[in-house]
């Protein structure tokens, strides 16, 4: 196949993919159709100039892959484009329980970013946290790597190892970390009684079983005389939207929890069932940038129904229904086809996150410097210790108690 034909094939396939992603716009009127075609024309012109004027003969396959992943990341940080071989591998493993390292990922600035690391997982013990950037996995650069493929590379047999190059928050020099894959279990719900009969519930993950644990913890605290509740959802990023709906209903006897809607997905409302509510105690919800997905649905539902006050930092932004859309050549894109929205203001949680009514910053991780002014790397144990939740002197917990009217 000649170079010119290869270019035409690549350009055509790329434009078709663009049309697949935004083609529904064409049905919204002549103006939208013209605008869409104009953008596709600009894209084709850029590809043509890369082909004809770049300093050396470009690898058009890489150019196309980068363009596709860039396009998807621009609209959806959790989207992926998988070529035919990658998609076959994805289908083989997507429903198979495999050992992992405990990271939840998204795309950020073209690279793979960390949403969070599950407590006591290999990644959690190694000090990974929200905002870390994975530069390479098994020696493969993550620049323009499909997110779904990155997740596959993280998985494997229990006891096997995977090597990552990571740029950590506040430690900009890349570090090479070798982790041993394991069967990761979600951390249990923890609860205790604070001063002034305030019940504290710490939730690091959500699942159907863990929602039941949350209910049991709240019931136990109420029996022990709790008059108010602090529910800590910081760094709670696992769990499905359904888990978030179920947990929110524990606090709501009426009102809308959330709704789901997409271009081709009919709006579905999720309203509170009165018989599922178990508490009416004044409540404060704690969030941070590692709060995502199910936990965001809880926070937005309770805040917009005036059922709880949210204290902390803006959440990550991840609550959507995703679907694999296959292409004629066997490749596929994994894309959000519907999003979950806040119940009253109608904001897409994935786009805006949840902004607390009361802002409160967590304690900063302290880094020491050597005589040359270079940062001294922290050990995983030191990172974990500094980032641990301290219910007695945690500034966010203190602010929540203040919001609830509890005097120090």
Protein backbone atom coordinates (compact mmCIF):
# COMPACT_ATOMS: atom_id res chain seq x y z
CA UNK A 1 0.00 0.00 0.00
CA UNK A 2 1.45 3.39 -0.98
CA UNK A 3 2.13 6.09 1.58
CA UNK A 4 -0.61 8.29 0.12
CA UNK A 5 -3.18 5.50 0.32
CA UNK A 6 -2.16 4.75 3.91
CA UNK A 7 -2.68 8.42 4.74
CA UNK A 8 -6.11 8.46 3.12
CA UNK A 9 -7.16 5.31 4.99
CA UNK A 10 -5.96 6.71 8.30
CA UNK A 11 -7.62 10.08 7.73
CA UNK A 12 -10.89 8.49 6.67
CA UNK A 13 -11.02 6.07 9.60
CA UNK A 14 -10.21 8.84 12.03
CA UNK A 15 -12.95 11.07 10.63
CA UNK A 16 -15.41 8.19 10.85
CA UNK A 17 -14.52 7.74 14.49
CA UNK A 18 -15.06 11.44 15.07
CA UNK A 19 -18.45 11.15 13.45
CA UNK A 20 -19.29 8.16 15.66
CA UNK A 21 -18.52 10.09 18.82
CA UNK A 22 -20.29 13.35 17.92
CA UNK A 23 -22.43 12.30 15.00
CA UNK A 24 -25.67 12.64 16.89
CA UNK A 25 -25.12 16.38 16.70
CA UNK A 26 -25.96 16.12 13.01
CA UNK A 27 -29.56 15.47 13.88
CA UNK A 28 -29.89 18.71 15.83
CA UNK A 29 -30.16 21.14 12.94
CA UNK A 30 -28.29 22.51 9.93
CA UNK A 31 -26.19 24.92 11.97
CA UNK A 32 -24.88 22.17 14.26
CA UNK A 33 -24.21 19.92 11.28
CA UNK A 34 -22.21 22.62 9.50
CA UNK A 35 -20.22 23.35 12.65
CA UNK A 36 -19.40 19.67 13.16
CA UNK A 37 -18.25 19.22 9.56
CA UNK A 38 -16.12 22.38 9.84
CA UNK A 39 -14.28 20.93 12.87
CA UNK A 40 -13.73 17.64 11.04
CA UNK A 41 -12.32 19.60 8.09
CA UNK A 42 -9.85 21.36 10.40
CA UNK A 43 -8.79 17.99 11.83
CA UNK A 44 -8.18 16.62 8.31
CA UNK A 45 -6.09 19.69 7.44
CA UNK A 46 -3.93 19.21 10.54
CA UNK A 47 -3.36 15.53 9.69
CA UNK A 48 -2.41 16.52 6.14
CA UNK A 49 0.18 19.03 7.36
CA UNK A 50 1.64 16.51 9.80
CA UNK A 51 1.97 14.04 6.96
CA UNK A 52 3.54 16.46 4.48
CA UNK A 53 5.57 18.88 6.60
CA UNK A 54 6.71 17.17 9.82
CA UNK A 55 10.50 16.95 10.14
CA UNK A 56 10.44 13.22 9.40
CA UNK A 57 8.01 10.63 8.07
CA UNK A 58 5.50 10.27 10.92
CA UNK A 59 4.06 7.01 12.17
CA UNK A 60 0.47 7.69 11.12
CA UNK A 61 -0.80 4.81 13.21
CA UNK A 62 0.57 6.52 16.33
CA UNK A 63 -0.73 9.88 15.15
CA UNK A 64 -4.21 8.45 14.73
CA UNK A 65 -4.12 6.61 18.07
CA UNK A 66 -2.98 9.76 19.84
CA UNK A 67 -5.68 11.82 18.14
CA UNK A 68 -8.41 9.35 19.07
CA UNK A 69 -7.35 9.13 22.69
CA UNK A 70 -6.97 12.90 22.88
CA UNK A 71 -10.45 13.33 21.46
CA UNK A 72 -11.94 10.93 23.99
CA UNK A 73 -10.08 12.40 26.95
CA UNK A 74 -11.30 15.88 25.99
CA UNK A 75 -14.90 14.83 26.56
CA UNK A 76 -14.58 11.91 29.01
CA UNK A 77 -11.55 11.20 31.26
CA UNK A 78 -12.76 7.63 31.73
CA UNK A 79 -13.14 6.81 28.01
CA UNK A 80 -10.89 4.48 26.00
CA UNK A 81 -10.18 3.57 22.39
CA UNK A 82 -9.00 -0.03 22.01
CA UNK A 83 -7.69 -1.47 18.76
CA UNK A 84 -9.00 -4.87 17.64
CA UNK A 85 -6.34 -6.89 19.49
CA UNK A 86 -6.69 -4.84 22.68
CA UNK A 87 -10.45 -5.15 22.59
CA UNK A 88 -10.26 -8.94 22.20
CA UNK A 89 -8.04 -9.07 25.28
CA UNK A 90 -10.40 -6.73 27.11
CA UNK A 91 -13.41 -8.98 26.40
CA UNK A 92 -11.50 -12.04 27.65
CA UNK A 93 -10.62 -10.47 30.98
CA UNK A 94 -13.34 -7.93 31.82
CA UNK A 95 -15.49 -10.40 33.78
CA UNK A 96 -12.61 -12.42 35.22
CA UNK A 97 -11.57 -11.73 38.80
CA UNK A 98 -7.78 -11.23 38.70
CA UNK A 99 -5.18 -10.07 41.18
CA UNK A 100 -4.46 -6.33 41.05
CA UNK A 101 -2.63 -3.54 42.84
CA UNK A 102 -5.65 -1.54 44.02
CA UNK A 103 -5.65 1.59 41.85
CA UNK A 104 -8.66 3.35 40.33
CA UNK A 105 -7.57 5.32 37.26
CA UNK A 106 -8.64 8.05 34.84
CA UNK A 107 -6.92 9.98 32.04
CA UNK A 108 -5.26 13.29 32.83
CA UNK A 109 -3.19 15.48 30.50
CA UNK A 110 -2.82 12.53 28.13
CA UNK A 111 -1.39 10.27 30.83
CA UNK A 112 -2.94 7.80 33.25
CA UNK A 113 -3.82 9.49 36.54
CA UNK A 114 -4.74 8.05 39.93
CA UNK A 115 -8.26 8.62 41.23
CA UNK A 116 -7.34 6.74 44.39
CA UNK A 117 -5.59 3.76 45.95
CA UNK A 118 -7.62 1.25 47.95
CA UNK A 119 -6.65 1.14 51.62
CA UNK A 120 -4.28 -1.75 52.45
CA UNK A 121 -3.90 -2.70 48.77
CA UNK A 122 -0.36 -2.95 47.32
CA UNK A 123 -0.74 0.57 45.85
CA UNK A 124 -2.25 1.91 49.07
CA UNK A 125 0.61 0.54 51.15
CA UNK A 126 3.07 2.10 48.70
CA UNK A 127 1.59 5.56 49.34
CA UNK A 128 -0.21 6.16 46.02
CA UNK A 129 -2.83 8.89 46.26
CA UNK A 130 -5.27 10.99 44.25
CA UNK A 131 -3.47 13.11 41.67
CA UNK A 132 -0.40 10.89 41.20
CA UNK A 133 0.48 10.39 37.53
CA UNK A 134 1.54 7.00 36.13
CA UNK A 135 4.29 7.70 33.59
CA UNK A 136 4.78 4.09 32.47
CA UNK A 137 3.51 0.58 33.20
CA UNK A 138 5.86 -2.36 32.62
CA UNK A 139 8.12 -0.01 30.69
CA UNK A 140 5.28 1.10 28.37
CA UNK A 141 4.66 4.85 28.36
CA UNK A 142 1.11 5.74 29.33
CA UNK A 143 1.02 8.78 27.06
CA UNK A 144 -2.07 8.20 24.88
CA UNK A 145 -2.49 4.72 26.40
CA UNK A 146 -6.16 3.62 26.45
CA UNK A 147 -7.42 3.68 30.01
CA UNK A 148 -8.98 0.22 29.73
CA UNK A 149 -5.63 -1.15 28.50
CA UNK A 150 -3.82 0.44 31.46
CA UNK A 151 -6.24 -1.33 33.79
CA UNK A 152 -5.49 -4.64 32.04
CA UNK A 153 -1.74 -4.15 32.48
CA UNK A 154 -2.25 -3.62 36.22
CA UNK A 155 -3.91 -7.02 36.58
CA UNK A 156 -2.38 -10.48 36.55
CA UNK A 157 -1.73 -13.56 38.64
CA UNK A 158 -1.56 -13.23 42.42
CA UNK A 159 2.08 -12.90 43.49
CA UNK A 160 3.26 -11.56 40.13
CA UNK A 161 4.84 -8.11 39.97
CA UNK A 162 4.28 -4.99 37.91
CA UNK A 163 6.69 -2.07 37.64
CA UNK A 164 5.38 1.49 37.47
CA UNK A 165 7.04 4.85 36.98
CA UNK A 166 5.05 7.37 39.00
CA UNK A 167 5.16 11.14 39.40
CA UNK A 168 3.79 11.72 42.88
CA UNK A 169 1.92 14.73 44.20
CA UNK A 170 4.49 17.20 45.60
CA UNK A 171 7.40 14.95 44.56
CA UNK A 172 7.84 15.79 40.86
CA UNK A 173 10.80 13.49 40.16
CA UNK A 174 9.54 10.17 38.70
CA UNK A 175 9.96 7.16 40.97
CA UNK A 176 10.11 3.54 39.90
CA UNK A 177 7.92 1.33 42.06
CA UNK A 178 7.57 -2.44 41.80
CA UNK A 179 4.31 -3.78 43.26
CA UNK A 180 3.20 -7.35 43.87
CA UNK A 181 -0.30 -8.07 42.65
CA UNK A 182 -2.76 -9.44 45.22
CA UNK A 183 -6.43 -10.22 45.68
CA UNK A 184 -7.64 -6.86 46.94
CA UNK A 185 -10.50 -6.65 49.44
CA UNK A 186 -12.40 -3.44 50.17
CA UNK A 187 -11.83 -1.97 53.64
CA UNK A 188 -14.65 -2.33 56.19
CA UNK A 189 -16.75 0.50 57.55
CA UNK A 190 -15.39 1.97 60.79
CA UNK A 191 -17.34 3.85 63.44
CA UNK A 192 -16.81 5.41 66.85
CA UNK A 193 -18.38 7.92 69.22
CA UNK A 194 -16.76 11.34 69.39
CA UNK A 195 -17.27 13.93 72.11
CA UNK A 196 -20.71 15.46 72.67
CA UNK A 197 -22.45 12.28 71.49
CA UNK A 198 -21.44 12.73 67.87
CA UNK A 199 -21.24 9.47 65.94
CA UNK A 200 -18.39 9.18 63.42
CA UNK A 201 -18.61 6.77 60.47
CA UNK A 202 -15.59 6.32 58.19
CA UNK A 203 -16.32 4.85 54.74
CA UNK A 204 -13.36 4.14 52.45
CA UNK A 205 -15.32 2.13 49.86
CA UNK A 206 -18.87 1.24 48.88
CA UNK A 207 -20.50 -1.96 47.65
CA UNK A 208 -23.87 -3.61 48.38
CA UNK A 209 -22.33 -5.37 51.41
CA UNK A 210 -20.64 -2.19 52.65
CA UNK A 211 -23.89 -0.20 52.40
CA UNK A 212 -25.33 -2.75 54.84
CA UNK A 213 -22.30 -2.17 57.07
CA UNK A 214 -23.00 1.58 56.97
CA UNK A 215 -26.60 0.95 58.05
CA UNK A 216 -25.45 -1.33 60.87
CA UNK A 217 -22.89 1.24 62.07
CA UNK A 218 -25.46 4.05 62.12
CA UNK A 219 -28.00 1.91 63.99
CA UNK A 220 -25.34 0.95 66.54
CA UNK A 221 -24.33 4.57 67.12
CA UNK A 222 -27.96 5.62 67.52
CA UNK A 223 -28.51 2.90 70.13
CA UNK A 224 -25.43 4.17 71.95
CA UNK A 225 -26.99 7.64 72.15
CA UNK A 226 -25.56 9.48 69.14
CA UNK A 227 -27.28 12.85 68.65
CA UNK A 228 -25.47 13.88 65.48
CA UNK A 229 -23.43 12.16 62.76
CA UNK A 230 -20.21 12.85 60.88
CA UNK A 231 -19.96 10.63 57.79
CA UNK A 232 -16.45 10.61 56.31
CA UNK A 233 -16.44 9.95 52.55
CA UNK A 234 -12.94 11.27 51.90
CA UNK A 235 -11.01 9.03 49.53
CA UNK A 236 -14.11 6.90 48.99
CA UNK A 237 -13.90 6.31 45.22
CA UNK A 238 -15.06 2.72 44.69
CA UNK A 239 -18.63 1.54 44.36
CA UNK A 240 -21.29 1.82 41.69
CA UNK A 241 -23.87 4.61 41.38
CA UNK A 242 -26.45 2.09 42.60
CA UNK A 243 -24.47 1.76 45.85
CA UNK A 244 -24.54 5.54 46.25
CA UNK A 245 -28.29 5.65 45.68
CA UNK A 246 -28.82 2.91 48.29
CA UNK A 247 -26.65 4.69 50.85
CA UNK A 248 -28.28 8.09 50.28
CA UNK A 249 -31.66 6.49 50.91
CA UNK A 250 -30.52 5.56 54.44
CA UNK A 251 -30.69 9.30 55.25
CA UNK A 252 -33.59 10.40 53.03
CA UNK A 253 -37.25 9.60 53.66
CA UNK A 254 -38.35 11.69 50.69
CA UNK A 255 -36.97 13.61 47.74
CA UNK A 256 -34.97 12.89 44.62
CA UNK A 257 -31.58 11.24 45.07
CA UNK A 258 -30.30 11.63 41.49
CA UNK A 259 -31.29 11.04 37.89
CA UNK A 260 -29.60 9.41 34.92
CA UNK A 261 -29.80 10.77 31.37
CA UNK A 262 -27.95 10.66 28.05
CA UNK A 263 -28.50 11.55 24.40
CA UNK A 264 -29.88 8.07 23.73
CA UNK A 265 -30.66 7.09 27.32
CA UNK A 266 -34.10 8.12 28.51
CA UNK A 267 -34.11 10.03 31.77
CA UNK A 268 -34.49 7.79 34.81
CA UNK A 269 -35.31 9.34 38.20
CA UNK A 270 -34.16 7.79 41.47
CA UNK A 271 -36.35 8.89 44.38
CA UNK A 272 -36.02 8.05 48.07
CA UNK A 273 -38.13 5.18 49.39
CA UNK A 274 -39.40 6.23 52.86
CA UNK A 275 -39.21 2.70 54.31
CA UNK A 276 -35.45 2.52 53.62
CA UNK A 277 -34.50 5.57 55.69
CA UNK A 278 -32.93 4.67 59.05
CA UNK A 279 -31.84 7.99 60.57
CA UNK A 280 -32.99 11.58 60.89
CA UNK A 281 -30.00 12.80 62.92
CA UNK A 282 -28.30 16.07 61.88
CA UNK A 283 -25.43 15.01 59.63
CA UNK A 284 -22.20 16.38 58.15
CA UNK A 285 -20.62 14.69 55.12
CA UNK A 286 -16.85 14.99 54.61
CA UNK A 287 -15.43 15.01 51.07
CA UNK A 288 -12.13 15.62 49.30
CA UNK A 289 -10.66 15.32 45.81
CA UNK A 290 -10.53 11.53 46.25
CA UNK A 291 -14.31 11.30 46.79
CA UNK A 292 -15.79 9.83 43.60
CA UNK A 293 -18.66 7.98 41.96
CA UNK A 294 -21.06 6.40 44.51
CA UNK A 295 -19.88 8.69 47.31
CA UNK A 296 -20.50 11.76 45.14
CA UNK A 297 -24.09 10.70 44.61
CA UNK A 298 -24.50 10.46 48.40
CA UNK A 299 -22.96 13.88 49.01
CA UNK A 300 -24.94 15.69 46.30
CA UNK A 301 -28.25 14.05 47.26
CA UNK A 302 -27.97 14.92 50.95
CA UNK A 303 -26.71 18.44 50.29
CA UNK A 304 -29.36 19.40 47.71
CA UNK A 305 -32.16 17.91 49.80
CA UNK A 306 -30.94 20.00 52.77
CA UNK A 307 -30.48 16.76 54.66
CA UNK A 308 -26.77 17.19 55.46
CA UNK A 309 -24.05 19.78 55.27
CA UNK A 310 -21.05 18.88 53.12
CA UNK A 311 -17.65 19.90 54.47
CA UNK A 312 -14.23 19.59 52.83
CA UNK A 313 -12.93 19.81 49.28
CA UNK A 314 -14.49 19.55 45.81
CA UNK A 315 -14.91 15.91 44.79
CA UNK A 316 -13.24 14.14 41.86
CA UNK A 317 -16.13 13.95 39.36
CA UNK A 318 -17.12 10.45 38.25
CA UNK A 319 -20.68 9.18 38.00
CA UNK A 320 -21.73 7.79 34.64
CA UNK A 321 -23.04 4.80 32.73
CA UNK A 322 -20.43 3.51 30.28
CA UNK A 323 -20.75 1.33 27.21
CA UNK A 324 -18.41 -0.35 24.73
CA UNK A 325 -19.20 0.64 21.13
CA UNK A 326 -17.61 -1.64 18.54
CA UNK A 327 -16.26 -0.63 15.13
CA UNK A 328 -16.30 -2.56 11.87
CA UNK A 329 -12.58 -3.38 12.18
CA UNK A 330 -13.02 -5.00 15.61
CA UNK A 331 -11.80 -2.00 17.59
CA UNK A 332 -14.01 -0.27 20.15
CA UNK A 333 -14.50 2.86 22.19
CA UNK A 334 -15.62 2.70 25.81
CA UNK A 335 -17.62 5.84 26.42
CA UNK A 336 -19.99 7.43 28.92
CA UNK A 337 -23.43 7.22 27.31
CA UNK A 338 -25.35 8.70 30.26
CA UNK A 339 -24.47 10.73 33.33
CA UNK A 340 -25.84 10.98 36.84
CA UNK A 341 -27.03 14.45 37.81
CA UNK A 342 -27.49 16.33 41.06
CA UNK A 343 -31.17 16.13 42.05
CA UNK A 344 -32.16 19.80 42.10
CA UNK A 345 -29.51 21.88 40.33
CA UNK A 346 -29.26 19.34 37.48
CA UNK A 347 -25.45 19.39 37.25
CA UNK A 348 -23.63 16.41 35.77
CA UNK A 349 -21.57 15.03 38.66
CA UNK A 350 -18.84 13.79 36.30
CA UNK A 351 -18.42 17.30 34.88
CA UNK A 352 -18.57 19.45 38.02
CA UNK A 353 -17.97 17.16 40.98
CA UNK A 354 -19.64 18.16 44.24
CA UNK A 355 -18.61 21.47 45.79
CA UNK A 356 -19.05 21.48 49.60
CA UNK A 357 -21.12 24.20 51.19
CA UNK A 358 -18.31 24.59 53.74
CA UNK A 359 -14.78 24.50 52.36
CA UNK A 360 -12.11 22.93 54.57
CA UNK A 361 -8.62 21.84 53.55
CA UNK A 362 -6.92 18.74 54.84
CA UNK A 363 -3.56 18.86 56.56
CA UNK A 364 -0.73 19.15 54.03
CA UNK A 365 1.83 16.39 53.67
CA UNK A 366 5.05 17.81 55.05
CA UNK A 367 8.21 17.34 52.97
CA UNK A 368 11.75 18.00 54.24
CA UNK A 369 14.62 19.21 52.06
CA UNK A 370 18.32 18.36 52.03
CA UNK A 371 21.22 20.83 52.12
CA UNK A 372 20.97 21.32 48.35
CA UNK A 373 17.31 22.24 48.55
CA UNK A 374 16.18 18.93 47.04
CA UNK A 375 13.08 17.27 48.51
CA UNK A 376 13.77 14.20 50.63
CA UNK A 377 11.50 11.39 49.38
CA UNK A 378 9.03 10.15 51.97
CA UNK A 379 8.71 6.46 52.68
CA UNK A 380 5.31 4.88 52.00
CA UNK A 381 4.83 4.51 55.76
CA UNK A 382 5.49 8.23 56.33
CA UNK A 383 3.06 9.19 53.57
CA UNK A 384 0.38 6.92 54.97
CA UNK A 385 0.91 8.25 58.49
CA UNK A 386 0.61 11.87 57.39
CA UNK A 387 -2.47 11.20 55.28
CA UNK A 388 -4.20 9.09 57.88
CA UNK A 389 -7.52 10.34 59.25
CA UNK A 390 -7.14 11.63 62.82
CA UNK A 391 -10.58 12.11 64.23
CA UNK A 392 -9.42 14.05 67.28
CA UNK A 393 -7.29 16.73 65.59
CA UNK A 394 -8.26 16.42 61.92
CA UNK A 395 -9.03 19.98 60.70
CA UNK A 396 -11.89 18.79 58.46
CA UNK A 397 -13.53 16.84 61.28
CA UNK A 398 -13.13 19.91 63.52
CA UNK A 399 -14.86 22.06 60.93
CA UNK A 400 -17.69 19.50 60.60
CA UNK A 401 -18.23 19.55 64.35
CA UNK A 402 -18.33 23.34 64.24
CA UNK A 403 -20.92 23.23 61.45
CA UNK A 404 -23.01 20.82 63.53
CA UNK A 405 -22.93 23.27 66.43
CA UNK A 406 -20.58 21.25 68.62
CA UNK A 407 -18.30 23.45 70.70
CA UNK A 408 -14.63 22.44 70.97
